[in-house]
Protein backbone atom coordinates (compact mmCIF):
# COMPACT_ATOMS: atom_id res chain seq x y z
CA MET A 1 0.01 0.00 0.00
CA GLY A 2 1.50 3.28 -1.05
CA GLY A 3 -1.42 5.66 -0.66
CA VAL A 4 -3.32 7.23 2.23
CA ILE A 5 -6.11 5.77 4.36
CA GLN A 6 -7.84 8.51 6.33
CA VAL A 7 -10.55 8.12 8.96
CA GLY A 8 -11.82 11.34 10.52
CA ARG A 9 -13.40 9.79 13.62
CA ASP A 10 -12.72 7.18 16.30
CA LEU A 11 -11.78 3.75 15.03
CA ASP A 12 -12.33 0.57 17.01
CA TYR A 13 -10.00 -1.72 15.10
CA LEU A 14 -7.32 -1.41 12.43
CA TYR A 15 -5.68 -4.49 10.91
CA VAL A 16 -2.88 -4.00 8.39
CA ALA A 17 -1.39 -7.05 6.65
CA GLY A 18 0.89 -7.49 3.68
CA TYR A 19 4.47 -7.36 2.56
CA SER A 20 4.87 -3.60 2.59
CA LEU A 21 3.17 -0.48 3.88
CA ALA A 22 4.78 2.55 2.30
CA GLY A 23 1.81 4.87 2.65
CA GLN A 24 0.02 6.56 5.52
CA VAL A 25 -2.84 5.65 7.84
CA ARG A 26 -4.46 8.65 9.53
CA VAL A 27 -7.08 8.35 12.27
CA GLY A 28 -8.60 11.64 13.41
CA GLY A 29 -9.97 10.36 16.71
CA THR A 30 -9.10 7.53 19.08
CA LEU A 31 -7.71 4.24 17.79
CA ARG A 32 -8.61 1.45 20.17
CA THR A 33 -6.74 -1.51 18.66
CA CYS A 34 -4.19 -1.79 15.87
CA VAL A 35 -2.46 -4.96 14.63
CA VAL A 36 0.25 -4.69 12.00
CA LEU A 37 1.49 -7.77 10.15
CA TRP A 38 3.73 -6.36 7.44
CA LEU A 39 7.29 -7.43 6.81
CA ASP A 40 8.67 -4.14 5.47
CA GLY A 41 6.80 -1.18 6.87
CA SER A 42 8.22 2.21 5.95
CA GLY A 43 4.95 4.11 6.12
CA SER A 44 3.33 5.91 9.03
CA ILE A 45 0.34 5.63 11.33
CA SER A 46 -1.01 8.92 12.72
CA VAL A 47 -3.62 9.00 15.49
CA GLY A 48 -5.13 12.35 16.44
CA GLY A 49 -6.55 11.17 19.75
CA ASP A 50 -5.60 8.42 22.20
CA LEU A 51 -4.14 5.06 21.25
CA ASN A 52 -5.35 2.08 23.24
CA GLY A 53 -3.05 -0.53 21.73
CA LEU A 54 -0.67 -1.41 18.91
CA ALA A 55 0.97 -4.75 18.11
CA VAL A 56 3.63 -5.09 15.40
CA HIS A 57 4.36 -8.71 14.51
CA TYR A 58 7.22 -8.41 12.03
CA GLY A 59 9.86 -5.92 10.92
CA TRP A 60 9.01 -2.25 11.09
CA HIS A 61 10.90 0.94 10.33
CA GLY A 62 7.89 3.19 9.92
CA HIS A 63 6.58 5.93 12.17
CA LEU A 64 3.81 6.14 14.76
CA PHE A 65 2.46 9.53 15.88
CA VAL A 66 -0.15 9.74 18.65
CA GLY A 67 -1.66 13.13 19.46
CA GLY A 68 -3.18 12.04 22.77
CA ASP A 69 -2.33 9.49 25.43
CA LEU A 70 -1.12 5.96 25.08
CA THR A 71 -3.80 4.33 27.21
CA GLY A 72 -2.98 0.72 26.38
CA SER A 73 0.26 -0.88 25.21
CA ILE A 74 2.61 -0.96 22.23
CA GLN A 75 4.25 -4.28 21.43
CA VAL A 76 6.96 -4.45 18.75
CA GLY A 77 7.71 -8.11 18.04
CA TYR A 78 7.63 -10.96 20.55
CA PRO A 79 10.37 -12.64 22.59
CA GLU A 80 10.34 -15.66 20.29
CA ALA A 81 10.50 -13.36 17.25
CA PRO A 82 12.46 -10.20 18.21
CA VAL A 83 11.93 -7.09 16.12
CA ASP A 84 14.11 -3.97 16.00
CA LEU A 85 12.54 -0.53 16.07
CA ALA A 86 14.12 1.56 13.33
CA GLY A 87 11.30 4.10 13.20
CA THR A 88 9.78 6.73 15.46
CA ILE A 89 7.23 6.27 18.22
CA ALA A 90 5.98 9.71 19.29
CA ILE A 91 3.35 10.10 22.01
CA GLY A 92 1.94 13.62 22.18
CA ALA A 93 0.64 13.44 25.75
CA LYS A 94 1.18 10.78 28.44
CA ALA A 95 2.24 7.18 28.16
CA ARG A 96 -0.06 5.39 30.61
CA GLY A 97 0.74 1.87 29.41
CA PRO A 98 3.87 -0.07 28.45
CA ILE A 99 5.99 0.14 25.31
CA HIS A 100 7.94 -3.04 24.60
CA VAL A 101 10.54 -3.42 21.85
CA THR A 102 11.82 -6.98 21.69
CA GLY A 103 14.90 -6.06 19.65
CA ASN A 104 17.11 -2.97 19.48
CA LEU A 105 16.48 0.68 18.92
CA ARG A 106 18.35 0.77 15.66
CA ASP A 107 19.65 3.54 13.45
CA PRO A 108 21.05 1.84 10.34
CA SER A 109 21.88 5.08 8.52
CA GLU A 110 23.22 7.12 11.46
CA VAL A 111 21.10 10.06 10.26
CA GLY A 112 17.43 10.94 10.16
CA ASP A 113 14.61 10.06 12.49
CA GLU A 114 15.10 6.34 13.06
CA GLY A 115 15.18 4.51 16.36
CA HIS A 116 13.46 7.09 18.53
CA ILE A 117 10.88 6.88 21.31
CA MET A 118 9.68 10.42 22.03
CA LEU A 119 7.21 11.24 24.77
CA LEU A 120 6.11 14.85 24.56
CA GLY A 121 4.43 14.35 27.93
CA SER A 122 5.00 12.08 30.92
CA LEU A 123 6.04 8.51 31.45
CA SER A 124 3.36 7.66 34.01
CA ASP A 125 3.92 5.42 37.01
CA THR A 126 1.65 2.86 35.34
CA ALA A 127 3.86 2.79 32.25
CA SER A 128 7.24 1.45 31.28
CA ILE A 129 9.50 1.34 28.23
CA THR A 130 11.31 -1.97 27.74
CA ILE A 131 13.99 -2.49 25.09
CA ASP A 132 15.19 -6.07 25.22
CA GLY A 133 18.22 -5.18 23.10
CA THR A 134 20.16 -1.95 23.26
CA LEU A 135 20.48 1.46 21.57
CA VAL A 136 22.47 0.92 18.38
CA GLY A 137 24.11 3.85 16.61
CA SER A 138 24.75 7.38 17.82
CA THR A 139 21.34 8.94 17.24
CA THR A 140 18.91 6.46 18.80
CA PHE A 141 17.29 7.68 22.01
CA VAL A 142 14.41 7.63 24.45
CA CYS A 143 13.21 11.03 25.66
CA VAL A 144 10.53 12.12 28.16
CA ASP A 145 9.19 15.67 27.71
CA TYR A 146 10.92 15.84 24.32
CA ASP A 147 9.47 19.19 23.25
CA GLY A 148 10.88 21.16 26.20
CA TYR A 149 10.59 21.15 29.97
CA ASP A 150 7.13 21.20 31.50
CA ALA A 151 6.70 20.88 35.25
CA GLY A 152 3.69 18.63 34.71
CA ASP A 153 5.57 16.08 32.60
CA ASP A 154 7.25 13.58 34.88
CA PHE A 155 9.51 10.55 34.53
CA LEU A 156 7.64 8.22 36.90
CA GLY A 157 7.90 4.90 35.11
CA VAL A 158 10.97 2.80 34.35
CA VAL A 159 12.98 2.47 31.15
CA TRP A 160 14.56 -0.98 30.77
CA VAL A 161 17.45 -1.40 28.33
CA ASP A 162 19.11 -4.80 28.01
CA GLY A 163 17.77 -5.80 31.41
CA HIS A 164 18.97 -2.68 33.26
CA PRO A 165 16.41 -0.31 34.83
CA TYR A 166 16.69 3.48 34.46
CA HIS A 167 14.54 5.78 36.55
CA GLY A 168 15.44 9.18 35.12
CA ASN A 169 17.83 11.24 33.06
CA THR A 170 20.84 9.20 31.86
CA PRO A 171 22.55 11.23 29.11
CA LEU A 172 25.39 8.78 28.45
CA MET A 173 22.79 6.07 27.77
CA ARG A 174 20.81 8.52 25.58
CA ILE A 175 17.83 8.25 27.91
CA TYR A 176 16.67 11.80 28.59
CA GLU A 177 14.26 13.51 30.92
CA VAL A 178 14.41 17.13 29.77
CA THR A 179 15.88 19.19 32.62
CA CYS A 180 14.40 22.45 33.84
CA GLN A 181 17.65 24.46 33.88
CA LYS A 182 17.87 27.16 31.24
CA GLY A 183 21.20 26.91 29.42
CA ASP A 184 21.57 23.17 30.06
CA LEU A 185 22.28 22.24 26.43
CA THR A 186 23.78 18.86 27.43
CA ASN A 187 20.81 18.00 29.68
CA ASP A 188 22.99 16.83 32.57
CA SER A 189 21.17 19.02 35.14
CA LEU A 190 24.16 21.40 35.28
CA VAL A 191 24.83 24.70 33.55
CA ASN A 192 28.57 24.84 33.17
CA ALA A 193 31.48 25.18 30.76
CA PHE A 194 30.43 22.04 28.87
CA ASP A 195 27.27 23.85 27.72
CA ILE A 196 29.00 26.76 26.00
CA ASP A 197 29.93 24.95 22.76
CA PRO A 198 26.52 23.29 22.20
CA PHE A 199 24.90 26.64 23.04
CA MET A 200 27.00 28.32 20.34
CA LEU A 201 26.14 25.46 17.98
CA VAL A 202 22.41 26.15 18.41
CA LEU A 203 22.99 29.92 18.17
CA THR A 204 25.01 29.52 14.97
CA GLU A 205 22.58 27.20 13.20
CA TRP A 206 19.20 28.35 14.51
CA PRO A 207 16.47 27.31 13.79
CA ASP A 208 17.26 23.99 12.05
CA CYS A 209 20.45 23.25 14.05
CA PRO A 210 21.64 20.18 12.09
CA GLY A 211 24.94 20.04 13.97
CA TYR A 212 23.25 20.11 17.36
CA ARG A 213 20.76 17.48 16.17
CA GLN A 214 23.59 15.18 15.15
CA ARG A 215 25.40 15.55 18.50
CA PHE A 216 22.32 15.59 20.76
CA SER A 217 19.53 13.91 18.79
CA GLY A 218 17.36 13.25 21.81
CA LEU A 219 17.49 16.90 22.88
CA TYR A 220 16.65 18.42 19.50
CA GLY A 221 13.05 19.11 20.50
CA SER A 222 14.09 21.01 23.64
CA ARG A 223 16.70 23.25 21.97
CA LEU A 224 14.43 26.32 22.10
CA TYR A 225 13.62 25.80 25.75
CA HIS A 226 17.24 25.36 26.82
CA ALA A 227 18.87 27.98 24.55
CA ASP A 228 16.27 30.79 24.60
CA MET A 229 17.86 32.50 27.58
CA ASN A 230 15.78 35.70 27.49
CA CYS A 231 12.52 33.88 26.75
CA ASP A 232 11.55 35.91 23.70
CA GLY A 233 10.63 32.85 21.65
CA THR A 234 13.75 32.54 19.53
CA VAL A 235 17.49 31.96 19.82
CA ASP A 236 19.65 34.87 18.65
CA LEU A 237 22.69 36.91 19.62
CA PHE A 238 20.83 38.52 22.51
CA ASP A 239 20.67 35.18 24.29
CA LEU A 240 24.47 35.11 24.70
CA ASP A 241 24.54 37.80 27.39
CA PRO A 242 21.94 36.14 29.67
CA PHE A 243 23.63 32.79 29.02
CA ILE A 244 26.93 34.14 30.39
CA LEU A 245 24.99 35.63 33.33
CA ARG A 246 23.42 32.24 33.99
CA LEU A 247 26.90 30.69 34.02
CA THR A 248 28.47 33.26 36.29
CA ASP A 249 25.66 34.23 38.65
CA PRO A 250 22.56 32.00 38.56
CA ASP A 251 20.72 34.03 41.18
CA ALA A 252 21.29 37.28 39.28
CA TYR A 253 20.00 35.59 36.12
CA CYS A 254 16.86 34.47 37.91
CA ALA A 255 16.32 37.97 39.29
CA GLU A 256 16.59 39.49 35.82
CA PHE A 257 14.53 36.79 34.08
CA PRO A 258 12.16 35.55 36.79
CA ASP A 259 9.75 33.91 34.35
CA CYS A 260 12.46 31.98 32.50
CA GLU A 261 14.16 29.80 35.08
CA GLN A 262 11.75 27.20 36.42
CA CYS A 263 14.15 25.38 38.73
CA VAL A 264 13.75 25.56 42.48
CA PRO A 265 15.89 26.74 44.13
CA CYS A 266 16.40 29.30 41.39
CA GLY A 267 20.17 28.92 41.18
CA GLY A 268 20.06 25.13 41.24
CA GLY A 269 22.30 23.35 38.78
CA GLY A 270 24.64 26.27 38.04
CA GLU A 271 28.31 26.37 38.87
CA GLY A 272 28.43 30.10 39.46
CA LEU A 273 31.68 30.47 37.50
CA SER A 274 33.66 33.43 38.77
CA GLY A 275 36.13 35.77 37.10
CA LEU A 276 34.32 36.04 33.77
CA ASN A 277 33.56 39.72 34.26
CA ALA A 278 37.09 40.56 33.03
CA PRO A 279 37.50 40.77 29.23
CA GLY A 280 40.66 38.65 29.08
CA ALA A 281 39.19 35.89 31.23
CA LEU A 282 35.95 35.82 29.22
CA ALA A 283 37.82 35.76 25.92
CA GLN A 284 40.01 32.91 27.13
CA PHE A 285 36.92 31.07 28.34
CA PHE A 286 35.49 31.20 24.82
CA ARG A 287 38.78 30.07 23.27
CA THR A 288 38.93 27.11 25.63
CA HIS A 289 35.35 25.92 25.42
CA VAL A 290 34.12 26.87 21.94
CA ALA A 291 35.16 24.93 18.85
CA PRO A 292 37.45 27.02 16.59
CA GLU A 293 34.96 26.97 13.72
CA ARG A 294 32.37 28.63 15.99
CA LEU A 295 34.59 31.40 17.37
CA PRO A 296 33.62 33.81 14.55
CA ILE A 297 30.00 33.77 15.77
CA VAL A 298 31.27 34.67 19.25
CA VAL A 299 33.17 37.63 17.77
CA GLN A 300 30.08 38.70 15.82
CA ALA A 301 27.89 38.41 18.93
CA ALA A 302 30.38 40.37 21.06
CA ASP A 303 30.58 43.09 18.40
CA GLU A 304 26.79 43.44 18.14
CA LEU A 305 26.35 43.40 21.91
CA ALA A 306 28.99 46.10 22.24
CA ASP A 307 27.09 48.27 19.75
CA TYR A 308 23.80 47.54 21.51
CA TYR A 309 25.01 48.50 25.01
CA GLY A 310 27.11 51.38 23.72
CA ASN A 311 29.40 53.39 25.99
CA THR A 312 28.37 51.60 29.17
CA PRO A 313 30.48 49.28 31.34
CA HIS A 314 28.66 46.32 29.80
CA GLY A 315 29.19 47.59 26.27
CA LEU A 316 32.88 48.26 26.95
CA LEU A 317 33.25 44.73 28.33
CA TRP A 318 31.89 43.16 25.15
CA ARG A 319 33.98 45.50 22.96
CA ALA A 320 37.13 44.39 24.79
CA VAL A 321 36.12 40.73 24.42
CA CYS A 322 35.55 41.26 20.71
CA GLU A 323 38.99 42.81 20.27
CA ALA A 324 40.66 40.10 22.33
CA LEU A 325 39.17 37.38 20.12
CA ARG A 326 40.02 38.97 16.76
C-alpha cells in the first residue's frame, strides 16, 4: 500500500497485513486496537486522539504519531520473534501503558529520524519502556518531555534497556528527561562550561540546528527551551549575554529573568563560574570551550552586543572581548 487511508473519527479496530506499507494511515480520533502484520513497513500511522493498543508482529521501520495518550500498550515483536525498532514512536501526551521493543532501537543510517521513542508528555507510574536489546548507533534515544521542559511532565515509570532499569535522566545512555535548567544544552542538570559549545552550535545554526541534532539527537526538540535564555521565543545573539549571566551568577540571572528559570531553588544546577567579568578571562573562556569553527559567531555576537550597550560598562566589556578574540 503506497497511498493514504484517512478516517476522521474514532476507530475501534485497524488491521494491516501485507508485505509492505509505504503509505500513511491517519485516524482523526481515538484508535482502540491496531495490529500490523507487514514485513517491510516504511509508512506511518497517525492517530489524532488516544491510542489504546498497537501490536507489530514483524519488521518495522515506519513511524507512529499519537496526538493524545497511550492508554494501552505498544508491542513491537515478541520474545520468540524479536523485532528492532528503526522508526519513530511519538506520544503527544502521556504514556499510561507499556511500550515493549523486543529487539534494538536501531539507526542503520546514522542520520534521520530512526530509532526514537519520544514522549512529549509524561512517562506515568503505570507505564514502562522496555527495550530487550540496546540502543544501536549514535542517534537512537528515548526522551521524556521531548518538546521542552514542562513541570507537569514527569519521569515516573521505568525504562529498561538490556535488562537494566533506568529511573530518570541518563545522558550517556541517551535516555533523557528534559531538565528544567535554562542553558543546560547537554541536559545533565548542570549549567557549566560544557554547555557553551553546544549553546553556540544552536545559536550559529538556529532554527534547524543540524549540527546540534547530530550531536544531541534526543534533545533536539528542547533546543528552544534550553537555549532561549531571554525567553523571547527565539534563539539569537541577545541570548548570549543572559547565558553568560546564567553561568556566572545564577541568582542574578533568575532575578533578571524571573519567568524563565523554572528550577527551584532558582540557582540550582549552576556552577556560578567566577572571574568572567574581566575581558581577558571571558575571551580565554570562549577560546577554551568553543570549537574554533564557531569562534567567529562569538566575535560577531560580542561586536553586536557592544554596539547595543554602547558606551556603558557592559558595552565596553563586550567591545574588549571582541577585540581580544580577533
